[in-house]
Amino acid sequence: MAIKPTIYKFKIALSDLNRDHYDQLNLTVAQHPSETLERMMTRVLAYCLNAHEHLSFTKGLSSVDEPDIWLIGLDGQVNQWIDVGEPAFERIKKATRLAKSVNVYSFNSKSDTWWQQNEKQFSSVKVSVFQFPWLAVQAMASLVQRTTDMSVTISGDSAYIAAQAGEVDVLCRQLSV
C-alpha cells in the first residue's frame, strides 16, 4: 500500500513590497512522502514570491512532466514554470520551450556545488535561478505546524517570515537572469 501525502494548511498574510502585491493566501499543500519539510517550505516561499491569482501547485514529485508550481494562462499555455531544488539542465531546457518564464529556486546544502557545475549550461537558456541559504531554509521549516498562520513580507532580496513558532529572514540571491 502506498504512503499518502501529509496535508498542511497555511493562512498567509502576504506583503510583497517589490511588486506592490498584498494578499491573504489560504494554501493547502500536500507533502509528498519522500519530500522534506525544507523542500515543502521552499515551495511555499516560491509560491509567495510569485503570487498570482492563477498560480497553482502541481502534482510536483508525483509527476516528472510538471514543475512544482505553474501559472497557466486562460489560453491553456504555461506562462510560468517554477521548479524547486537542483533540477537537471535538460529538464529546464525543455521547460523554456514550454513556458514563457522559468524560475528555479535552489535551497539545499549542495546548492553551491550544483550551481558551479551547471552555471555555464544554464546561461545558454532563458531561466532565472535563485538560491536560498540552507540554514535559513532549515529555520523556516522549523516554523511549520499542520495548520500554520504566518505573515510573509518580501522586500528587496529578502523575505521575512513570522509565525507562532518564531520568525526567520530568508535571503533570496539571484544567480542568473
N, C-alpha and C. Protein backbone atom coordinates (compact mmCIF):
# COMPACT_ATOMS: atom_id res chain seq x y z
N MET A 1 0.84 -1.18 0.00
CA MET A 1 0.00 0.00 0.00
C MET A 1 0.89 1.25 0.00
N ALA A 2 0.58 2.18 -0.85
CA ALA A 2 1.37 3.41 -0.99
C ALA A 2 1.16 4.34 0.20
N ILE A 3 2.22 5.03 0.58
CA ILE A 3 2.13 6.01 1.66
C ILE A 3 1.49 7.27 1.10
N LYS A 4 0.53 7.81 1.83
CA LYS A 4 -0.18 9.01 1.38
C LYS A 4 0.58 10.27 1.79
N PRO A 5 0.34 11.35 1.05
CA PRO A 5 0.99 12.62 1.41
C PRO A 5 0.43 13.16 2.73
N THR A 6 1.23 13.99 3.37
CA THR A 6 0.80 14.70 4.57
C THR A 6 0.28 16.07 4.14
N ILE A 7 -0.88 16.44 4.63
CA ILE A 7 -1.51 17.70 4.22
C ILE A 7 -1.24 18.78 5.26
N TYR A 8 -0.80 19.94 4.77
CA TYR A 8 -0.56 21.12 5.60
C TYR A 8 -1.45 22.25 5.10
N LYS A 9 -1.93 23.05 6.02
CA LYS A 9 -2.75 24.22 5.67
C LYS A 9 -2.03 25.47 6.15
N PHE A 10 -1.96 26.43 5.23
CA PHE A 10 -1.29 27.70 5.53
C PHE A 10 -2.26 28.85 5.30
N LYS A 11 -2.30 29.74 6.26
CA LYS A 11 -3.02 31.00 6.12
C LYS A 11 -1.92 32.06 6.16
N ILE A 12 -1.67 32.70 5.01
CA ILE A 12 -0.52 33.59 4.87
C ILE A 12 -0.98 35.01 4.56
N ALA A 13 -0.54 35.95 5.39
CA ALA A 13 -0.73 37.37 5.10
C ALA A 13 0.50 37.79 4.30
N LEU A 14 0.32 37.98 3.01
CA LEU A 14 1.44 38.28 2.11
C LEU A 14 1.53 39.77 1.81
N SER A 15 2.73 40.31 1.99
CA SER A 15 3.02 41.70 1.62
C SER A 15 4.27 41.68 0.76
N ASP A 16 4.09 41.79 -0.54
CA ASP A 16 5.23 41.82 -1.46
C ASP A 16 5.46 43.28 -1.85
N LEU A 17 6.39 43.92 -1.15
CA LEU A 17 6.66 45.33 -1.37
C LEU A 17 7.32 45.59 -2.72
N ASN A 18 8.00 44.57 -3.27
CA ASN A 18 8.67 44.72 -4.57
C ASN A 18 7.65 44.85 -5.71
N ARG A 19 6.56 44.14 -5.60
CA ARG A 19 5.56 44.13 -6.68
C ARG A 19 4.27 44.85 -6.30
N ASP A 20 4.23 45.47 -5.11
CA ASP A 20 3.00 46.08 -4.59
C ASP A 20 1.85 45.09 -4.65
N HIS A 21 2.12 43.87 -4.19
CA HIS A 21 1.12 42.80 -4.19
C HIS A 21 0.84 42.42 -2.74
N TYR A 22 -0.41 42.56 -2.32
CA TYR A 22 -0.82 42.27 -0.96
C TYR A 22 -2.00 41.32 -1.04
N ASP A 23 -1.93 40.23 -0.27
CA ASP A 23 -2.96 39.20 -0.40
C ASP A 23 -3.06 38.39 0.88
N GLN A 24 -4.18 37.74 1.03
CA GLN A 24 -4.39 36.76 2.09
C GLN A 24 -4.48 35.41 1.39
N LEU A 25 -3.47 34.56 1.55
CA LEU A 25 -3.43 33.28 0.87
C LEU A 25 -3.88 32.17 1.81
N ASN A 26 -4.73 31.30 1.30
CA ASN A 26 -5.13 30.10 2.01
C ASN A 26 -4.65 28.93 1.17
N LEU A 27 -3.53 28.34 1.57
CA LEU A 27 -2.92 27.28 0.79
C LEU A 27 -3.06 25.93 1.49
N THR A 28 -3.43 24.94 0.70
CA THR A 28 -3.39 23.55 1.16
C THR A 28 -2.27 22.89 0.39
N VAL A 29 -1.27 22.40 1.12
CA VAL A 29 -0.06 21.87 0.49
C VAL A 29 0.10 20.40 0.88
N ALA A 30 0.26 19.57 -0.14
CA ALA A 30 0.49 18.15 0.10
C ALA A 30 1.99 17.89 0.10
N GLN A 31 2.49 17.36 1.20
CA GLN A 31 3.90 17.00 1.30
C GLN A 31 4.04 15.54 0.85
N HIS A 32 4.72 15.35 -0.28
CA HIS A 32 4.97 14.01 -0.81
C HIS A 32 5.71 13.20 0.25
N PRO A 33 5.45 11.89 0.35
CA PRO A 33 6.13 11.08 1.36
C PRO A 33 7.66 11.15 1.30
N SER A 34 8.23 11.40 0.13
CA SER A 34 9.70 11.48 0.04
C SER A 34 10.22 12.91 0.13
N GLU A 35 9.34 13.86 0.39
CA GLU A 35 9.73 15.27 0.43
C GLU A 35 10.02 15.71 1.86
N THR A 36 11.08 16.49 2.03
CA THR A 36 11.41 17.02 3.35
C THR A 36 10.57 18.27 3.64
N LEU A 37 10.49 18.63 4.90
CA LEU A 37 9.81 19.88 5.27
C LEU A 37 10.52 21.08 4.65
N GLU A 38 11.84 21.01 4.54
CA GLU A 38 12.61 22.12 3.94
C GLU A 38 12.20 22.33 2.49
N ARG A 39 12.06 21.26 1.74
CA ARG A 39 11.65 21.39 0.33
C ARG A 39 10.23 21.92 0.22
N MET A 40 9.34 21.39 1.06
CA MET A 40 7.96 21.85 1.03
C MET A 40 7.86 23.34 1.35
N MET A 41 8.61 23.79 2.36
CA MET A 41 8.56 25.20 2.72
C MET A 41 9.21 26.07 1.65
N THR A 42 10.18 25.54 0.94
CA THR A 42 10.76 26.28 -0.18
C THR A 42 9.71 26.45 -1.27
N ARG A 43 8.89 25.43 -1.49
CA ARG A 43 7.79 25.56 -2.46
C ARG A 43 6.81 26.65 -2.03
N VAL A 44 6.50 26.67 -0.73
CA VAL A 44 5.57 27.69 -0.22
C VAL A 44 6.17 29.09 -0.41
N LEU A 45 7.45 29.25 -0.10
CA LEU A 45 8.09 30.56 -0.27
C LEU A 45 8.16 30.95 -1.75
N ALA A 46 8.47 30.01 -2.62
CA ALA A 46 8.49 30.29 -4.06
C ALA A 46 7.10 30.71 -4.53
N TYR A 47 6.07 30.09 -3.99
CA TYR A 47 4.70 30.48 -4.32
C TYR A 47 4.46 31.94 -3.91
N CYS A 48 4.87 32.29 -2.70
CA CYS A 48 4.68 33.66 -2.21
C CYS A 48 5.44 34.67 -3.07
N LEU A 49 6.65 34.33 -3.48
CA LEU A 49 7.46 35.24 -4.29
C LEU A 49 6.87 35.49 -5.67
N ASN A 50 6.02 34.58 -6.13
CA ASN A 50 5.43 34.68 -7.46
C ASN A 50 3.91 34.76 -7.42
N ALA A 51 3.35 35.07 -6.27
CA ALA A 51 1.90 35.01 -6.06
C ALA A 51 1.12 35.70 -7.18
N HIS A 52 0.09 34.99 -7.62
CA HIS A 52 -0.81 35.45 -8.69
C HIS A 52 -2.10 34.66 -8.52
N GLU A 53 -3.21 35.25 -8.90
CA GLU A 53 -4.49 34.57 -8.67
C GLU A 53 -4.61 33.23 -9.39
N HIS A 54 -3.87 33.01 -10.47
CA HIS A 54 -3.96 31.75 -11.21
C HIS A 54 -2.77 30.83 -10.98
N LEU A 55 -1.87 31.19 -10.07
CA LEU A 55 -0.72 30.36 -9.76
C LEU A 55 -1.20 29.14 -8.97
N SER A 56 -0.65 27.96 -9.26
CA SER A 56 -1.09 26.77 -8.54
C SER A 56 0.04 25.76 -8.38
N PHE A 57 -0.09 24.99 -7.30
CA PHE A 57 0.82 23.87 -7.10
C PHE A 57 0.40 22.76 -8.06
N THR A 58 1.36 21.97 -8.49
CA THR A 58 1.06 20.83 -9.36
C THR A 58 1.19 19.56 -8.53
N LYS A 59 1.21 18.43 -9.21
CA LYS A 59 1.43 17.15 -8.53
C LYS A 59 2.87 17.03 -8.04
N GLY A 60 3.74 17.94 -8.52
CA GLY A 60 5.12 18.02 -8.03
C GLY A 60 5.90 16.74 -8.22
N LEU A 61 6.43 16.19 -7.14
CA LEU A 61 7.27 14.99 -7.21
C LEU A 61 6.52 13.80 -7.80
N SER A 62 5.20 13.83 -7.78
CA SER A 62 4.42 12.71 -8.31
C SER A 62 4.35 12.73 -9.83
N SER A 63 4.72 13.83 -10.46
CA SER A 63 4.66 13.95 -11.92
C SER A 63 5.94 14.57 -12.44
N VAL A 64 6.73 13.79 -13.17
CA VAL A 64 8.01 14.29 -13.66
C VAL A 64 7.87 15.28 -14.81
N ASP A 65 6.70 15.35 -15.42
CA ASP A 65 6.49 16.25 -16.55
C ASP A 65 5.95 17.62 -16.16
N GLU A 66 5.78 17.84 -14.87
CA GLU A 66 5.25 19.11 -14.39
C GLU A 66 6.24 19.76 -13.43
N PRO A 67 6.19 21.09 -13.34
CA PRO A 67 7.03 21.77 -12.34
C PRO A 67 6.39 21.63 -10.96
N ASP A 68 6.99 22.24 -9.97
CA ASP A 68 6.38 22.26 -8.64
C ASP A 68 5.20 23.22 -8.59
N ILE A 69 5.32 24.32 -9.31
CA ILE A 69 4.30 25.38 -9.33
C ILE A 69 4.23 25.89 -10.76
N TRP A 70 3.02 26.23 -11.20
CA TRP A 70 2.93 26.86 -12.51
C TRP A 70 1.78 27.83 -12.60
N LEU A 71 1.87 28.65 -13.60
CA LEU A 71 0.82 29.62 -13.91
C LEU A 71 0.35 29.31 -15.32
N ILE A 72 -0.87 28.85 -15.42
CA ILE A 72 -1.47 28.52 -16.71
C ILE A 72 -2.36 29.69 -17.11
N GLY A 73 -2.15 30.21 -18.31
CA GLY A 73 -2.96 31.31 -18.80
C GLY A 73 -4.35 30.85 -19.22
N LEU A 74 -5.22 31.79 -19.47
CA LEU A 74 -6.58 31.47 -19.89
C LEU A 74 -6.62 30.74 -21.23
N ASP A 75 -5.53 30.87 -22.01
CA ASP A 75 -5.45 30.18 -23.30
C ASP A 75 -4.86 28.77 -23.17
N GLY A 76 -4.59 28.33 -21.92
CA GLY A 76 -4.06 26.99 -21.70
C GLY A 76 -2.54 26.90 -21.79
N GLN A 77 -1.88 27.99 -22.13
CA GLN A 77 -0.42 28.00 -22.24
C GLN A 77 0.21 28.14 -20.85
N VAL A 78 1.40 27.57 -20.68
CA VAL A 78 2.14 27.72 -19.42
C VAL A 78 2.86 29.06 -19.47
N ASN A 79 2.41 29.98 -18.64
CA ASN A 79 3.04 31.30 -18.58
C ASN A 79 4.26 31.30 -17.66
N GLN A 80 4.20 30.50 -16.60
CA GLN A 80 5.31 30.48 -15.66
C GLN A 80 5.52 29.05 -15.15
N TRP A 81 6.77 28.62 -15.18
CA TRP A 81 7.20 27.30 -14.72
C TRP A 81 8.14 27.52 -13.56
N ILE A 82 7.85 26.96 -12.40
CA ILE A 82 8.67 27.16 -11.21
C ILE A 82 9.10 25.81 -10.66
N ASP A 83 10.40 25.58 -10.62
CA ASP A 83 10.97 24.36 -10.05
C ASP A 83 11.73 24.69 -8.77
N VAL A 84 11.67 23.78 -7.82
CA VAL A 84 12.36 23.92 -6.55
C VAL A 84 13.40 22.81 -6.46
N GLY A 85 14.60 23.17 -6.06
CA GLY A 85 15.66 22.18 -5.91
C GLY A 85 16.80 22.45 -6.87
N GLU A 86 17.41 21.40 -7.31
CA GLU A 86 18.55 21.49 -8.22
C GLU A 86 18.26 20.62 -9.44
N PRO A 87 17.40 21.09 -10.34
CA PRO A 87 16.98 20.27 -11.48
C PRO A 87 18.09 20.08 -12.51
N ALA A 88 17.94 19.02 -13.28
CA ALA A 88 18.87 18.75 -14.38
C ALA A 88 18.69 19.80 -15.46
N PHE A 89 19.77 20.14 -16.15
CA PHE A 89 19.73 21.15 -17.20
C PHE A 89 18.72 20.77 -18.29
N GLU A 90 18.68 19.51 -18.70
CA GLU A 90 17.77 19.08 -19.77
C GLU A 90 16.31 19.34 -19.40
N ARG A 91 15.97 19.17 -18.14
CA ARG A 91 14.60 19.45 -17.68
C ARG A 91 14.27 20.94 -17.86
N ILE A 92 15.21 21.79 -17.48
CA ILE A 92 14.97 23.23 -17.58
C ILE A 92 14.99 23.69 -19.03
N LYS A 93 15.85 23.11 -19.83
CA LYS A 93 15.88 23.44 -21.26
C LYS A 93 14.53 23.14 -21.89
N LYS A 94 13.95 21.99 -21.55
CA LYS A 94 12.63 21.61 -22.05
C LYS A 94 11.57 22.60 -21.53
N ALA A 95 11.69 22.99 -20.26
CA ALA A 95 10.73 23.92 -19.67
C ALA A 95 10.74 25.26 -20.39
N THR A 96 11.91 25.72 -20.84
CA THR A 96 12.00 27.01 -21.54
C THR A 96 11.27 26.97 -22.89
N ARG A 97 11.11 25.77 -23.45
CA ARG A 97 10.35 25.65 -24.69
C ARG A 97 8.84 25.59 -24.43
N LEU A 98 8.45 25.19 -23.22
CA LEU A 98 7.04 25.03 -22.87
C LEU A 98 6.43 26.26 -22.21
N ALA A 99 7.27 27.06 -21.54
CA ALA A 99 6.75 28.17 -20.74
C ALA A 99 7.38 29.49 -21.16
N LYS A 100 6.63 30.56 -20.95
CA LYS A 100 7.13 31.90 -21.26
C LYS A 100 8.21 32.34 -20.28
N SER A 101 8.09 31.89 -19.02
CA SER A 101 9.03 32.27 -17.97
C SER A 101 9.36 31.03 -17.14
N VAL A 102 10.64 30.86 -16.80
CA VAL A 102 11.07 29.72 -15.99
C VAL A 102 11.92 30.23 -14.83
N ASN A 103 11.55 29.81 -13.61
CA ASN A 103 12.29 30.16 -12.40
C ASN A 103 12.69 28.89 -11.69
N VAL A 104 13.90 28.88 -11.15
CA VAL A 104 14.39 27.78 -10.33
C VAL A 104 14.79 28.36 -8.98
N TYR A 105 14.36 27.70 -7.90
CA TYR A 105 14.71 28.11 -6.55
C TYR A 105 15.52 26.98 -5.91
N SER A 106 16.82 27.19 -5.80
CA SER A 106 17.74 26.21 -5.24
C SER A 106 17.88 26.48 -3.74
N PHE A 107 17.99 25.43 -2.93
CA PHE A 107 17.95 25.68 -1.49
C PHE A 107 18.79 24.78 -0.61
N ASN A 108 19.29 23.67 -1.08
CA ASN A 108 19.87 22.74 -0.11
C ASN A 108 21.37 22.94 0.10
N SER A 109 21.94 22.12 0.95
CA SER A 109 23.35 22.28 1.33
C SER A 109 24.30 22.05 0.16
N LYS A 110 23.84 21.40 -0.90
CA LYS A 110 24.68 21.15 -2.07
C LYS A 110 24.41 22.14 -3.20
N SER A 111 23.67 23.16 -2.91
CA SER A 111 23.25 24.13 -3.92
C SER A 111 24.44 24.83 -4.60
N ASP A 112 25.43 25.22 -3.83
CA ASP A 112 26.59 25.91 -4.41
C ASP A 112 27.33 25.01 -5.40
N THR A 113 27.51 23.75 -5.05
CA THR A 113 28.18 22.80 -5.94
C THR A 113 27.36 22.58 -7.21
N TRP A 114 26.05 22.40 -7.04
CA TRP A 114 25.16 22.23 -8.20
C TRP A 114 25.30 23.43 -9.16
N TRP A 115 25.31 24.64 -8.61
CA TRP A 115 25.39 25.82 -9.45
C TRP A 115 26.74 25.92 -10.15
N GLN A 116 27.82 25.63 -9.45
CA GLN A 116 29.15 25.67 -10.07
C GLN A 116 29.24 24.69 -11.24
N GLN A 117 28.61 23.55 -11.11
CA GLN A 117 28.66 22.54 -12.16
C GLN A 117 27.74 22.86 -13.33
N ASN A 118 26.71 23.68 -13.11
CA ASN A 118 25.70 23.90 -14.14
C ASN A 118 25.57 25.33 -14.65
N GLU A 119 26.28 26.26 -14.06
CA GLU A 119 26.13 27.68 -14.41
C GLU A 119 26.30 27.94 -15.90
N LYS A 120 27.32 27.38 -16.49
CA LYS A 120 27.60 27.63 -17.90
C LYS A 120 26.44 27.15 -18.79
N GLN A 121 25.91 25.96 -18.51
CA GLN A 121 24.79 25.45 -19.31
C GLN A 121 23.55 26.32 -19.13
N PHE A 122 23.25 26.69 -17.90
CA PHE A 122 22.06 27.49 -17.63
C PHE A 122 22.13 28.87 -18.27
N SER A 123 23.34 29.38 -18.48
CA SER A 123 23.47 30.69 -19.11
C SER A 123 23.06 30.66 -20.58
N SER A 124 22.93 29.47 -21.15
CA SER A 124 22.55 29.36 -22.56
C SER A 124 21.03 29.34 -22.79
N VAL A 125 20.25 29.33 -21.70
CA VAL A 125 18.78 29.34 -21.82
C VAL A 125 18.20 30.47 -20.99
N LYS A 126 16.97 30.83 -21.31
CA LYS A 126 16.31 31.93 -20.60
C LYS A 126 15.64 31.38 -19.33
N VAL A 127 16.38 31.46 -18.23
CA VAL A 127 15.89 30.97 -16.94
C VAL A 127 16.43 31.87 -15.83
N SER A 128 15.61 32.11 -14.83
CA SER A 128 16.05 32.86 -13.65
C SER A 128 16.29 31.86 -12.53
N VAL A 129 17.50 31.85 -12.00
CA VAL A 129 17.86 30.93 -10.93
C VAL A 129 18.11 31.73 -9.66
N PHE A 130 17.49 31.27 -8.58
CA PHE A 130 17.61 31.92 -7.28
C PHE A 130 18.10 30.90 -6.26
N GLN A 131 18.73 31.39 -5.20
CA GLN A 131 19.24 30.49 -4.16
C GLN A 131 18.85 31.02 -2.79
N PHE A 132 18.34 30.11 -1.96
CA PHE A 132 18.05 30.41 -0.56
C PHE A 132 19.13 29.75 0.30
N PRO A 133 19.64 30.43 1.32
CA PRO A 133 20.63 29.82 2.21
C PRO A 133 20.05 28.62 2.97
N TRP A 134 20.80 27.55 3.04
CA TRP A 134 20.33 26.31 3.65
C TRP A 134 19.92 26.51 5.12
N LEU A 135 20.71 27.26 5.90
CA LEU A 135 20.37 27.45 7.31
C LEU A 135 19.05 28.20 7.48
N ALA A 136 18.79 29.17 6.60
CA ALA A 136 17.52 29.91 6.66
C ALA A 136 16.35 29.01 6.29
N VAL A 137 16.56 28.13 5.32
CA VAL A 137 15.50 27.19 4.91
C VAL A 137 15.19 26.23 6.06
N GLN A 138 16.23 25.77 6.75
CA GLN A 138 16.01 24.90 7.91
C GLN A 138 15.23 25.63 9.01
N ALA A 139 15.57 26.89 9.23
CA ALA A 139 14.86 27.69 10.23
C ALA A 139 13.40 27.90 9.81
N MET A 140 13.18 28.11 8.52
CA MET A 140 11.82 28.28 8.01
C MET A 140 11.01 27.00 8.22
N ALA A 141 11.63 25.85 7.99
CA ALA A 141 10.94 24.57 8.16
C ALA A 141 10.57 24.33 9.63
N SER A 142 11.35 24.88 10.54
CA SER A 142 11.06 24.68 11.96
C SER A 142 9.81 25.44 12.42
N LEU A 143 9.32 26.35 11.60
CA LEU A 143 8.12 27.13 11.93
C LEU A 143 6.82 26.38 11.62
N VAL A 144 6.92 25.29 10.88
CA VAL A 144 5.74 24.62 10.33
C VAL A 144 5.00 23.79 11.37
N GLN A 145 3.70 23.94 11.32
CA GLN A 145 2.77 23.07 12.04
C GLN A 145 1.77 22.59 11.00
N ARG A 146 0.94 21.62 11.32
CA ARG A 146 -0.02 21.11 10.34
C ARG A 146 -0.96 22.21 9.85
N THR A 147 -1.29 23.13 10.73
CA THR A 147 -2.05 24.33 10.36
C THR A 147 -1.22 25.52 10.84
N THR A 148 -0.79 26.36 9.89
CA THR A 148 0.13 27.44 10.22
C THR A 148 -0.42 28.79 9.74
N ASP A 149 -0.51 29.72 10.66
CA ASP A 149 -0.80 31.11 10.31
C ASP A 149 0.54 31.82 10.28
N MET A 150 0.81 32.53 9.19
CA MET A 150 2.08 33.24 9.11
C MET A 150 1.95 34.48 8.26
N SER A 151 2.91 35.36 8.42
CA SER A 151 2.99 36.54 7.56
C SER A 151 4.30 36.44 6.80
N VAL A 152 4.24 36.84 5.54
CA VAL A 152 5.42 36.85 4.69
C VAL A 152 5.53 38.26 4.11
N THR A 153 6.64 38.92 4.42
CA THR A 153 6.89 40.26 3.89
C THR A 153 8.12 40.19 3.01
N ILE A 154 7.93 40.53 1.73
CA ILE A 154 9.01 40.48 0.76
C ILE A 154 9.44 41.91 0.45
N SER A 155 10.74 42.16 0.64
CA SER A 155 11.29 43.49 0.38
C SER A 155 12.71 43.33 -0.10
N GLY A 156 13.00 43.91 -1.26
CA GLY A 156 14.34 43.77 -1.82
C GLY A 156 14.62 42.31 -2.13
N ASP A 157 15.73 41.81 -1.61
CA ASP A 157 16.09 40.42 -1.89
C ASP A 157 15.89 39.51 -0.68
N SER A 158 14.96 39.89 0.21
CA SER A 158 14.71 39.04 1.36
C SER A 158 13.22 38.89 1.64
N ALA A 159 12.91 37.78 2.31
CA ALA A 159 11.54 37.51 2.74
C ALA A 159 11.57 37.31 4.25
N TYR A 160 10.81 38.10 4.95
CA TYR A 160 10.70 37.99 6.39
C TYR A 160 9.45 37.17 6.68
N ILE A 161 9.63 36.06 7.40
CA ILE A 161 8.53 35.15 7.69
C ILE A 161 8.34 35.09 9.18
N ALA A 162 7.11 35.33 9.62
CA ALA A 162 6.79 35.26 11.04
C ALA A 162 5.60 34.33 11.23
N ALA A 163 5.74 33.44 12.20
CA ALA A 163 4.67 32.50 12.56
C ALA A 163 4.66 32.39 14.07
N GLN A 164 3.68 31.65 14.59
CA GLN A 164 3.57 31.49 16.03
C GLN A 164 4.83 30.85 16.62
N ALA A 165 5.48 29.96 15.88
CA ALA A 165 6.66 29.24 16.37
C ALA A 165 7.96 30.05 16.27
N GLY A 166 7.91 31.23 15.64
CA GLY A 166 9.11 32.05 15.53
C GLY A 166 9.14 32.85 14.25
N GLU A 167 10.33 33.32 13.91
CA GLU A 167 10.48 34.15 12.72
C GLU A 167 11.83 33.89 12.08
N VAL A 168 11.92 34.19 10.79
CA VAL A 168 13.16 33.99 10.05
C VAL A 168 13.20 34.97 8.88
N ASP A 169 14.40 35.40 8.55
CA ASP A 169 14.61 36.26 7.39
C ASP A 169 15.37 35.41 6.36
N VAL A 170 14.77 35.24 5.19
CA VAL A 170 15.37 34.39 4.15
C VAL A 170 15.84 35.27 3.00
N LEU A 171 17.13 35.23 2.75
CA LEU A 171 17.73 35.96 1.64
C LEU A 171 17.47 35.19 0.34
N CYS A 172 17.09 35.90 -0.69
CA CYS A 172 16.86 35.28 -2.00
C CYS A 172 17.90 35.86 -2.95
N ARG A 173 18.96 35.09 -3.17
CA ARG A 173 20.06 35.55 -4.01
C ARG A 173 19.83 35.13 -5.46
N GLN A 174 19.82 36.07 -6.37
CA GLN A 174 19.62 35.76 -7.78
C GLN A 174 20.96 35.35 -8.39
N LEU A 175 21.00 34.13 -8.96
CA LEU A 175 22.23 33.61 -9.57
C LEU A 175 22.29 33.87 -11.06
N SER A 176 21.14 33.91 -11.72
CA SER A 176 21.11 34.22 -13.15
C SER A 176 19.80 34.90 -13.50
N VAL A 177 19.82 35.60 -14.62
CA VAL A 177 18.63 36.32 -15.08
C VAL A 177 18.01 35.57 -16.23
